[in-house]
Structures are given as structure tokens and as C-alpha cells.
Protein backbone atom coordinates (compact mmCIF):
# COMPACT_ATOMS: atom_id res chain seq x y z
CA MET A 1 -23.75 -2.48 -13.69
CA LEU A 2 -23.71 1.35 -14.62
CA ARG A 3 -23.54 1.89 -10.85
CA LYS A 4 -20.05 0.26 -10.31
CA LEU A 5 -17.82 2.00 -13.43
CA PRO A 6 -17.69 5.48 -11.73
CA GLU A 7 -16.43 3.11 -8.85
CA LEU A 8 -13.50 1.73 -11.02
CA GLN A 9 -10.18 3.13 -9.77
CA GLN A 10 -8.13 1.19 -12.11
CA ASP A 11 -8.28 -0.73 -15.06
CA THR A 12 -10.04 -3.81 -15.22
CA PRO A 13 -9.70 -6.51 -17.76
CA LYS A 14 -13.90 -7.10 -19.62
CA ARG A 15 -13.74 -10.55 -18.38
CA LEU A 16 -12.79 -10.07 -14.77
CA PHE A 17 -15.20 -6.83 -14.55
CA SER A 18 -17.77 -9.17 -15.78
CA GLN A 19 -17.02 -12.13 -13.61
CA GLU A 20 -17.17 -9.71 -10.63
CA LEU A 21 -20.27 -8.10 -11.26
CA PHE A 22 -22.49 -10.76 -13.59
CA LEU A 23 -20.78 -13.74 -11.83
CA ASP A 24 -20.16 -15.16 -15.59
CA SER A 25 -16.67 -13.98 -17.02
CA LYS A 26 -18.40 -14.10 -20.67
CA HIS A 27 -22.06 -12.03 -19.83
CA PHE A 28 -20.81 -8.44 -20.51
CA GLU A 29 -19.12 -9.41 -23.85
CA GLN A 30 -22.42 -11.41 -25.34
CA LYS A 31 -24.86 -9.17 -23.60
CA VAL A 32 -24.11 -5.59 -22.31
CA GLU A 33 -20.72 -4.53 -24.11
CA LYS A 34 -22.73 -3.42 -27.17
CA ARG A 35 -25.49 -1.47 -25.62
CA LEU A 36 -22.58 0.35 -23.10
CA VAL A 37 -20.56 1.02 -25.93
CA THR A 38 -23.83 2.54 -27.20
CA LEU A 39 -24.59 4.72 -24.87
CA LEU A 40 -20.91 5.53 -24.77
CA LYS A 41 -21.18 6.66 -28.12
CA THR A 42 -24.39 9.17 -27.44
CA TYR A 43 -23.62 10.83 -24.14
CA MET A 44 -19.64 10.70 -24.46
CA GLU A 45 -18.14 14.29 -25.31
CA SER A 46 -14.87 12.47 -26.67
CA GLU A 47 -14.97 10.42 -29.78
CA PHE A 48 -12.94 7.76 -30.38
CA ASP A 49 -12.59 5.22 -33.55
CA THR A 50 -13.13 2.04 -31.69
CA ASP A 51 -15.51 0.49 -29.54
CA GLN A 52 -12.59 -0.96 -27.60
CA GLU A 53 -11.19 2.60 -27.16
CA TYR A 54 -14.12 3.78 -25.78
CA LEU A 55 -14.11 0.93 -23.12
CA ASP A 56 -10.26 1.52 -22.09
CA ASN A 57 -11.37 5.16 -21.34
CA ILE A 58 -13.70 4.45 -18.27
CA GLY A 59 -11.53 1.93 -17.30
CA ILE A 60 -12.29 -1.56 -19.19
CA VAL A 61 -9.58 -2.91 -21.16
CA GLN A 62 -9.54 -6.40 -23.06
CA HIS A 63 -6.40 -7.12 -21.13
CA PRO A 64 -3.81 -5.54 -19.10
CA ARG A 65 -1.13 -3.81 -21.19
CA SER A 66 2.54 -3.44 -20.63
CA VAL A 67 3.77 0.24 -21.20
CA PHE A 68 7.78 0.86 -21.55
CA VAL A 69 9.20 4.26 -20.45
CA SER A 70 12.48 5.50 -21.35
CA GLY A 71 14.37 8.20 -20.30
CA ARG A 72 13.07 10.75 -17.03
CA LEU A 73 9.84 10.42 -16.19
CA THR A 74 8.25 11.29 -13.28
CA PHE A 75 4.64 9.66 -12.93
CA GLN A 76 1.86 9.02 -9.70
CA ILE A 77 -0.15 5.84 -8.95
CA GLY A 78 -2.63 7.12 -6.68
CA GLN A 79 -0.48 8.40 -3.97
CA THR A 80 2.70 7.29 -4.47
CA VAL A 81 5.24 9.15 -6.78
CA THR A 82 7.87 7.57 -8.90
CA ASN A 83 10.48 8.64 -10.28
CA THR A 84 12.53 6.80 -13.05
CA SER A 85 15.81 8.66 -13.43
CA GLY A 86 17.32 6.51 -10.50
CA LEU A 87 16.68 3.47 -12.62
CA PRO A 88 19.76 2.17 -14.38
CA GLY A 89 19.44 4.60 -17.92
CA GLY A 90 16.05 5.63 -16.54
CA ASN A 91 13.97 2.68 -17.94
CA GLN A 92 11.04 1.10 -16.36
CA SER A 93 8.48 -1.41 -17.68
CA PHE A 94 4.94 -1.97 -15.52
CA HIS A 95 1.86 -3.18 -16.06
CA ALA A 96 -0.75 -0.09 -17.11
CA ASN A 97 -3.84 -1.63 -15.07
CA SER A 98 -3.67 1.31 -13.09
CA ARG A 99 -4.49 4.83 -13.48
CA ARG A 100 -1.45 6.91 -13.70
CA GLU A 101 -1.14 10.98 -13.50
CA LEU A 102 2.08 12.17 -15.70
CA LEU A 103 3.74 14.83 -13.28
CA SER A 104 6.84 15.56 -15.47
CA LEU A 105 9.22 14.47 -18.87
CA GLN A 106 12.28 15.42 -19.37
CA SER A 107 13.41 15.89 -23.37
CA LYS A 108 16.35 16.13 -25.06
């Protein structure tokens, strides 16, 4: 399982991760999660408030999250650069299921 973690290219829901790895959607939560979080707390340089934040940080999420942005924002997903300034009001909604790199943010 530890070898699979660096291969995560986007945020992956826990149950999907568990199903892909163990062929059981609940196995990760029932048998592995607490042990993995203990390892993360021991060896990660960053500290977080909750166990879920540790898992979020490595790409294992409880549920995909929506992110709503307003204003001029430029971000990158893989090789694709997106700029929200061309959208009406500069607004965009997307699911936070991929790693995004913020390139620029304009504020007033």
C-alpha cells in the first residue's frame, strides 16, 4: 500500500482507493487508516489538526470537494493552464479532485 501512495496523481476518495487496492471499499478505513495516520504523524514534517488532514495531504480524501472561486485566478492542472478572467464575473466552480498549482491571483 505504501508503494501506491506516490502514484496518486489526484485526490482520491478513500473508498475508491480501498476498492482499487484491496478489492474492498471499506478495508482501508477498517484495517489500514489508523496505522497509516500514525506513520504520517511520526514521519511528516508538517503537523495537522485532524487525521483526515493528514490523509488529505497525501491525496486520500473523504469525499471529493467542490471549490468555488471568484475573481481573476490562473491555475494549472497537469499541463493545462486555466484563467478565470474570461468567465462571466470571473467565477468558476470545479471539483477539488486534482492537484492544482496556483499561478496567479489578483486582488483589489
